[in-house]
Amino acid sequence: MFILVQIQVFNTIAVAILESNQAGAQMGRGVASAGDVNGDGYSDVIVGAPLYNNTENDEGVAFVYHGSAAGLSTTPNSIRDDADQASANFGYCLPVPAM
């Protein structure tokens, strides 16, 4: 009997640092591929921050970061989408898109 174990080694150097600029927002609680949102041929990423406060407390938000030949953008490239409802925790869990 043989067991094949495949180990993928990840680069330990950050190529992009993303932040919500709001303490306690839990940015990165939900992270998923967004596909190619802007049609440029590069994959984009959606990042949730469920405790983000905008007009309501803990309404949450989802940020979209576009990919490019240079890598992932370090600033959100679209208007953020939030819940406008207190304690909605929008962005807590993000689905994995169908391939």
C-alpha atoms as a PDB file:
ATOM      1  CA  MET A   1       0.000   0.000   0.000  1.00  0.00           C
ATOM      2  CA  PHE A   2       1.256   3.445  -0.936  1.00  0.00           C
ATOM      3  CA  ILE A   3       0.008   6.780   0.266  1.00  0.00           C
ATOM      4  CA  LEU A   4       0.744   9.779  -1.874  1.00  0.00           C
ATOM      5  CA  VAL A   5       1.149  12.951   0.123  1.00  0.00           C
ATOM      6  CA  GLN A   6       1.392  16.183  -1.765  1.00  0.00           C
ATOM      7  CA  ILE A   7       2.671  19.194   0.125  1.00  0.00           C
ATOM      8  CA  GLN A   8       2.419  22.641  -1.322  1.00  0.00           C
ATOM      9  CA  VAL A   9       4.892  25.129   0.085  1.00  0.00           C
ATOM     10  CA  PHE A  10       3.576  28.664   0.286  1.00  0.00           C
ATOM     11  CA  ASN A  11       5.628  31.807  -0.075  1.00  0.00           C
ATOM     12  CA  THR A  12       6.020  33.297   3.406  1.00  0.00           C
ATOM     13  CA  ILE A  13       6.670  36.817   2.121  1.00  0.00           C
ATOM     14  CA  ALA A  14       3.518  38.946   1.862  1.00  0.00           C
ATOM     15  CA  VAL A  15       2.942  40.211  -1.657  1.00  0.00           C
ATOM     16  CA  ALA A  16       0.010  42.390  -0.600  1.00  0.00           C
ATOM     17  CA  ILE A  17      -1.173  43.689   2.747  1.00  0.00           C
ATOM     18  CA  LEU A  18      -4.882  44.487   2.876  1.00  0.00           C
ATOM     19  CA  GLU A  19      -6.537  46.395   5.693  1.00  0.00           C
ATOM     20  CA  SER A  20      -9.899  47.950   6.487  1.00  0.00           C
ATOM     21  CA  ASN A  21      -8.364  50.836   8.467  1.00  0.00           C
ATOM     22  CA  GLN A  22     -10.846  50.116  11.248  1.00  0.00           C
ATOM     23  CA  ALA A  23      -9.789  48.343  14.433  1.00  0.00           C
ATOM     24  CA  GLY A  24     -11.884  45.300  15.320  1.00  0.00           C
ATOM     25  CA  ALA A  25     -13.589  45.036  11.912  1.00  0.00           C
ATOM     26  CA  GLN A  26     -12.337  41.421  11.524  1.00  0.00           C
ATOM     27  CA  MET A  27     -11.143  42.068   7.980  1.00  0.00           C
ATOM     28  CA  GLY A  28     -10.397  38.728   6.327  1.00  0.00           C
ATOM     29  CA  ARG A  29     -12.982  36.736   8.308  1.00  0.00           C
ATOM     30  CA  GLY A  30     -14.399  35.777   4.924  1.00  0.00           C
ATOM     31  CA  VAL A  31     -12.163  35.603   1.834  1.00  0.00           C
ATOM     32  CA  ALA A  32     -13.007  34.153  -1.579  1.00  0.00           C
ATOM     33  CA  SER A  33     -12.127  34.335  -5.228  1.00  0.00           C
ATOM     34  CA  ALA A  34     -14.419  36.760  -7.010  1.00  0.00           C
ATOM     35  CA  GLY A  35     -13.570  35.419 -10.459  1.00  0.00           C
ATOM     36  CA  ASP A  36     -12.616  38.080 -12.993  1.00  0.00           C
ATOM     37  CA  VAL A  37     -14.956  40.916 -11.979  1.00  0.00           C
ATOM     38  CA  ASN A  38     -13.525  43.598 -14.256  1.00  0.00           C
ATOM     39  CA  GLY A  39     -12.841  41.361 -17.282  1.00  0.00           C
ATOM     40  CA  ASP A  40      -9.109  42.038 -17.492  1.00  0.00           C
ATOM     41  CA  GLY A  41      -8.094  38.359 -17.466  1.00  0.00           C
ATOM     42  CA  TYR A  42      -6.843  38.355 -13.871  1.00  0.00           C
ATOM     43  CA  SER A  43      -8.592  36.846 -10.856  1.00  0.00           C
ATOM     44  CA  ASP A  44     -10.043  39.214  -8.290  1.00  0.00           C
ATOM     45  CA  VAL A  45     -10.612  38.657  -4.565  1.00  0.00           C
ATOM     46  CA  ILE A  46     -13.484  39.577  -2.250  1.00  0.00           C
ATOM     47  CA  VAL A  47     -12.678  40.146   1.424  1.00  0.00           C
ATOM     48  CA  GLY A  48     -15.257  40.469   4.187  1.00  0.00           C
ATOM     49  CA  ALA A  49     -15.043  42.536   7.360  1.00  0.00           C
ATOM     50  CA  PRO A  50     -18.183  41.555   9.300  1.00  0.00           C
ATOM     51  CA  LEU A  51     -17.735  43.965  12.227  1.00  0.00           C
ATOM     52  CA  TYR A  52     -17.029  47.017  10.051  1.00  0.00           C
ATOM     53  CA  ASN A  53     -18.948  50.125  11.146  1.00  0.00           C
ATOM     54  CA  ASN A  54     -20.140  52.601   8.537  1.00  0.00           C
ATOM     55  CA  THR A  55     -23.605  54.051   9.144  1.00  0.00           C
ATOM     56  CA  GLU A  56     -24.555  51.217  11.511  1.00  0.00           C
ATOM     57  CA  ASN A  57     -22.670  49.347  14.256  1.00  0.00           C
ATOM     58  CA  ASP A  58     -21.246  45.962  13.117  1.00  0.00           C
ATOM     59  CA  GLU A  59     -23.077  46.121   9.781  1.00  0.00           C
ATOM     60  CA  GLY A  60     -20.127  44.560   7.975  1.00  0.00           C
ATOM     61  CA  VAL A  61     -18.709  45.152   4.528  1.00  0.00           C
ATOM     62  CA  ALA A  62     -17.237  43.295   1.539  1.00  0.00           C
ATOM     63  CA  PHE A  63     -14.282  44.737  -0.374  1.00  0.00           C
ATOM     64  CA  VAL A  64     -13.283  43.693  -3.923  1.00  0.00           C
ATOM     65  CA  TYR A  65      -9.596  43.760  -4.834  1.00  0.00           C
ATOM     66  CA  HIS A  66      -8.669  43.437  -8.511  1.00  0.00           C
ATOM     67  CA  GLY A  67      -5.789  41.277  -9.649  1.00  0.00           C
ATOM     68  CA  SER A  68      -3.302  42.372 -12.312  1.00  0.00           C
ATOM     69  CA  ALA A  69      -0.007  41.358 -13.895  1.00  0.00           C
ATOM     70  CA  ALA A  70       1.690  43.080 -10.954  1.00  0.00           C
ATOM     71  CA  GLY A  71      -0.374  41.135  -8.399  1.00  0.00           C
ATOM     72  CA  LEU A  72      -3.277  42.019  -6.162  1.00  0.00           C
ATOM     73  CA  SER A  73      -4.218  45.666  -5.677  1.00  0.00           C
ATOM     74  CA  THR A  74      -3.669  46.872  -2.102  1.00  0.00           C
ATOM     75  CA  THR A  75      -6.708  49.167  -2.146  1.00  0.00           C
ATOM     76  CA  PRO A  76     -10.309  48.120  -2.845  1.00  0.00           C
ATOM     77  CA  ASN A  77     -11.167  48.706  -6.488  1.00  0.00           C
ATOM     78  CA  SER A  78     -14.912  48.967  -6.184  1.00  0.00           C
ATOM     79  CA  ILE A  79     -17.442  50.711  -4.073  1.00  0.00           C
ATOM     80  CA  ARG A  80     -17.738  48.690  -0.911  1.00  0.00           C
ATOM     81  CA  ASP A  81     -21.015  46.954  -0.276  1.00  0.00           C
ATOM     82  CA  ASP A  82     -22.364  47.137   3.245  1.00  0.00           C
ATOM     83  CA  ALA A  83     -25.582  46.088   4.933  1.00  0.00           C
ATOM     84  CA  ASP A  84     -26.900  49.398   6.316  1.00  0.00           C
ATOM     85  CA  GLN A  85     -28.359  47.359   9.172  1.00  0.00           C
ATOM     86  CA  ALA A  86     -26.983  47.150  12.701  1.00  0.00           C
ATOM     87  CA  SER A  87     -25.374  43.818  13.617  1.00  0.00           C
ATOM     88  CA  ALA A  88     -25.909  42.371  10.116  1.00  0.00           C
ATOM     89  CA  ASN A  89     -22.279  41.119  10.019  1.00  0.00           C
ATOM     90  CA  PHE A  90     -22.195  41.340   6.215  1.00  0.00           C
ATOM     91  CA  GLY A  91     -19.040  39.661   4.893  1.00  0.00           C
ATOM     92  CA  TYR A  92     -18.860  37.083   7.694  1.00  0.00           C
ATOM     93  CA  CYS A  93     -18.917  34.166   5.289  1.00  0.00           C
ATOM     94  CA  LEU A  94     -18.258  34.332   1.553  1.00  0.00           C
ATOM     95  CA  PRO A  95     -19.165  31.548  -0.898  1.00  0.00           C
ATOM     96  CA  VAL A  96     -16.680  29.873  -3.190  1.00  0.00           C
ATOM     97  CA  PRO A  97     -17.777  30.540  -6.791  1.00  0.00           C
ATOM     98  CA  ALA A  98     -18.599  27.610  -9.058  1.00  0.00           C
ATOM     99  CA  MET A  99     -15.869  26.841 -11.561  1.00  0.00           C
END
